[in-house]
């Protein structure tokens, strides 16, 4: 892997982690368009570095929220911040259970299944369209809402369904404030990313070569900067009800993907 590959992958990871266009779906489409061998093979270490970069960018964007949550959590009282952490933990359960239970079955879906990607992108587009039309409220995410949003996050493990698109749309359709929905969606994924990183580290499969330090750094920096921009941009998009643009994009790409799959 060279510097250009590392920067491109970092930018893609940083942008698609937050923008509702499905990074997994676009990766599968890219494999078909470019050919499996045309895409650089990411090492497990490089993947971990990119995921850490996007998690860190989320923490930086929501640094005030994170500090308030930590202060409230360590007060050891059942306050609003403690309840928020409990809701985050509850939202993680569906994805964690399904991810560990059906890890191999899910991996089989990421094998050039373009027709599935196409239909899931159209579904993502529909969710975004419906969420964009929903009226804004001042409602906060409840415990029941947190679990339902967690189910949406678990479903988003399918290639073609955007995690941020599914969770934000579900939260908004449940009647929650759009800004609070985006905040909850982005913060709820941080523990999952860090947990996945921890699992990969403890697996003992990570290999580090000091010669690749510069390339890893390039990928990390690209993903971190792209993540900062995409996360901030996405919050503004949700607040201004501009998700319909991504809805149209997902629908068009989904139709193209189904058409390509039907003719191949």
Foldseek 3Di string as FASTA:
>chain_A
DDQVLLLVLLLLLQQQLQQFFFSLQVVLVCCVVQNVVRRDDDDPVLVLLSLVLLLVLLCVLCVVVVVVLVVVVVVPDPDPSVQLVVLLVLLQVLQVVCCVVCVVVLVVLSDNPLLQLLVLLLVLLVLLVQLLPFDADADAQDSVLSNVLSNQQNVSSHGNGRNLSSSLSSSSVVPHGNLNSLNSSSVSCSVVSVVVSVVVVVVVRDDDDPVCPVSSVSNSVSNNVSNNVNSVVSSVCSNVSPSNVSSVVSNVSSVVSNVVVVVD
